[in-house]
Amino acid sequence: MGDLIVILKEMLAEKSNDATAEQMSRYMKNQFPFYGIRHPKDAKLKKHSFSKRGF
């Protein structure tokens, strides 16, 4: 499971959008870091990663 988390973090960092991440972070009062990937694209990326690994 640890490998999957590392892979997901790398994949999300590669697809990140700094401008959107800043807006998301401000909206949440800078409590959390964001990659700036909106839900439809985020869900599609995660689904693809999970299916490739048999989840």
N, C-alpha and C. Protein backbone atom coordinates (compact mmCIF):
# COMPACT_ATOMS: atom_id res chain seq x y z
N MET A 1 0.83 -1.20 0.00
CA MET A 1 0.00 0.00 0.00
C MET A 1 0.87 1.25 0.00
N GLY A 2 2.01 1.21 0.67
CA GLY A 2 2.90 2.36 0.71
C GLY A 2 3.37 2.78 -0.67
N ASP A 3 3.62 1.78 -1.53
CA ASP A 3 4.06 2.08 -2.90
C ASP A 3 2.96 2.81 -3.67
N LEU A 4 1.73 2.42 -3.46
CA LEU A 4 0.62 3.07 -4.14
C LEU A 4 0.52 4.54 -3.75
N ILE A 5 0.72 4.84 -2.49
CA ILE A 5 0.66 6.23 -2.03
C ILE A 5 1.76 7.04 -2.68
N VAL A 6 2.96 6.49 -2.73
CA VAL A 6 4.08 7.19 -3.36
C VAL A 6 3.78 7.43 -4.84
N ILE A 7 3.26 6.43 -5.51
CA ILE A 7 2.94 6.55 -6.94
C ILE A 7 1.86 7.61 -7.15
N LEU A 8 0.81 7.60 -6.31
CA LEU A 8 -0.26 8.59 -6.44
C LEU A 8 0.28 10.01 -6.21
N LYS A 9 1.10 10.18 -5.18
CA LYS A 9 1.66 11.50 -4.91
C LYS A 9 2.51 12.01 -6.07
N GLU A 10 3.33 11.13 -6.64
CA GLU A 10 4.15 11.52 -7.79
C GLU A 10 3.29 11.89 -8.99
N MET A 11 2.26 11.09 -9.25
CA MET A 11 1.39 11.33 -10.39
C MET A 11 0.63 12.65 -10.22
N LEU A 12 0.11 12.89 -9.02
CA LEU A 12 -0.63 14.12 -8.78
C LEU A 12 0.29 15.34 -8.84
N ALA A 13 1.50 15.21 -8.33
CA ALA A 13 2.46 16.32 -8.39
C ALA A 13 2.81 16.66 -9.85
N GLU A 14 2.91 15.62 -10.68
CA GLU A 14 3.21 15.82 -12.10
C GLU A 14 2.09 16.57 -12.82
N LYS A 15 0.86 16.32 -12.42
CA LYS A 15 -0.31 16.93 -13.07
C LYS A 15 -0.80 18.19 -12.36
N SER A 16 -0.06 18.65 -11.35
CA SER A 16 -0.52 19.76 -10.52
C SER A 16 -0.65 21.08 -11.28
N ASN A 17 -1.48 21.94 -10.74
CA ASN A 17 -1.72 23.27 -11.31
C ASN A 17 -1.53 24.27 -10.16
N ASP A 18 -0.41 24.98 -10.18
CA ASP A 18 -0.06 25.86 -9.06
C ASP A 18 -1.08 26.97 -8.82
N ALA A 19 -1.61 27.55 -9.88
CA ALA A 19 -2.58 28.64 -9.71
C ALA A 19 -3.85 28.13 -9.04
N THR A 20 -4.34 26.99 -9.46
CA THR A 20 -5.55 26.42 -8.87
C THR A 20 -5.27 25.94 -7.44
N ALA A 21 -4.09 25.38 -7.22
CA ALA A 21 -3.72 24.92 -5.88
C ALA A 21 -3.72 26.07 -4.89
N GLU A 22 -3.22 27.23 -5.32
CA GLU A 22 -3.21 28.39 -4.45
C GLU A 22 -4.62 28.83 -4.09
N GLN A 23 -5.52 28.83 -5.08
CA GLN A 23 -6.91 29.21 -4.83
C GLN A 23 -7.58 28.23 -3.87
N MET A 24 -7.34 26.94 -4.08
CA MET A 24 -7.93 25.92 -3.21
C MET A 24 -7.42 26.07 -1.78
N SER A 25 -6.15 26.32 -1.65
CA SER A 25 -5.55 26.49 -0.33
C SER A 25 -6.12 27.71 0.39
N ARG A 26 -6.24 28.81 -0.34
CA ARG A 26 -6.83 30.02 0.26
C ARG A 26 -8.26 29.77 0.70
N TYR A 27 -9.04 29.06 -0.12
CA TYR A 27 -10.43 28.77 0.20
C TYR A 27 -10.52 27.99 1.52
N MET A 28 -9.56 27.10 1.74
CA MET A 28 -9.54 26.29 2.97
C MET A 28 -8.69 26.94 4.06
N LYS A 29 -8.48 28.26 3.93
CA LYS A 29 -7.75 29.06 4.93
C LYS A 29 -6.35 28.51 5.18
N ASN A 30 -5.71 28.04 4.12
CA ASN A 30 -4.32 27.55 4.15
C ASN A 30 -4.09 26.44 5.18
N GLN A 31 -5.10 25.62 5.40
CA GLN A 31 -4.96 24.52 6.37
C GLN A 31 -4.37 23.27 5.74
N PHE A 32 -4.49 23.13 4.41
CA PHE A 32 -4.06 21.91 3.74
C PHE A 32 -3.31 22.24 2.45
N PRO A 33 -2.35 21.39 2.08
CA PRO A 33 -1.71 21.57 0.77
C PRO A 33 -2.60 20.95 -0.32
N PHE A 34 -2.58 21.54 -1.49
CA PHE A 34 -3.37 21.04 -2.62
C PHE A 34 -2.48 20.89 -3.85
N TYR A 35 -2.88 20.00 -4.74
CA TYR A 35 -2.19 19.85 -6.02
C TYR A 35 -2.83 20.72 -7.10
N GLY A 36 -4.01 21.24 -6.83
CA GLY A 36 -4.68 22.09 -7.80
C GLY A 36 -5.36 21.32 -8.93
N ILE A 37 -5.76 20.10 -8.64
CA ILE A 37 -6.44 19.27 -9.63
C ILE A 37 -7.90 19.18 -9.23
N ARG A 38 -8.78 19.62 -10.10
CA ARG A 38 -10.21 19.61 -9.80
C ARG A 38 -10.74 18.17 -9.81
N HIS A 39 -11.87 17.97 -9.16
CA HIS A 39 -12.40 16.62 -8.90
C HIS A 39 -12.54 15.71 -10.13
N PRO A 40 -13.17 16.11 -11.21
CA PRO A 40 -13.34 15.14 -12.30
C PRO A 40 -12.01 14.57 -12.80
N LYS A 41 -11.03 15.43 -12.96
CA LYS A 41 -9.72 14.97 -13.44
C LYS A 41 -9.02 14.16 -12.35
N ASP A 42 -9.12 14.60 -11.11
CA ASP A 42 -8.51 13.91 -9.97
C ASP A 42 -9.07 12.49 -9.85
N ALA A 43 -10.37 12.37 -9.92
CA ALA A 43 -11.02 11.06 -9.81
C ALA A 43 -10.59 10.14 -10.94
N LYS A 44 -10.50 10.67 -12.14
CA LYS A 44 -10.10 9.88 -13.30
C LYS A 44 -8.66 9.37 -13.14
N LEU A 45 -7.76 10.23 -12.66
CA LEU A 45 -6.37 9.82 -12.45
C LEU A 45 -6.26 8.73 -11.38
N LYS A 46 -6.98 8.91 -10.28
CA LYS A 46 -6.93 7.92 -9.21
C LYS A 46 -7.54 6.59 -9.64
N LYS A 47 -8.65 6.65 -10.35
CA LYS A 47 -9.31 5.43 -10.81
C LYS A 47 -8.38 4.65 -11.73
N HIS A 48 -7.70 5.36 -12.61
CA HIS A 48 -6.76 4.72 -13.53
C HIS A 48 -5.63 4.05 -12.75
N SER A 49 -5.08 4.73 -11.76
CA SER A 49 -3.99 4.18 -10.96
C SER A 49 -4.43 2.95 -10.17
N PHE A 50 -5.62 3.03 -9.57
CA PHE A 50 -6.13 1.89 -8.80
C PHE A 50 -6.40 0.69 -9.70
N SER A 51 -6.99 0.91 -10.85
CA SER A 51 -7.32 -0.21 -11.73
C SER A 51 -6.06 -0.89 -12.27
N LYS A 52 -5.00 -0.12 -12.49
CA LYS A 52 -3.74 -0.70 -12.97
C LYS A 52 -3.12 -1.60 -11.91
N ARG A 53 -3.46 -1.39 -10.66
CA ARG A 53 -2.87 -2.16 -9.57
C ARG A 53 -3.85 -3.18 -8.97
N GLY A 54 -4.96 -3.41 -9.64
CA GLY A 54 -5.89 -4.44 -9.22
C GLY A 54 -6.81 -4.08 -8.06
N PHE A 55 -7.06 -2.78 -7.85
CA PHE A 55 -7.98 -2.37 -6.79
C PHE A 55 -9.34 -2.10 -7.35
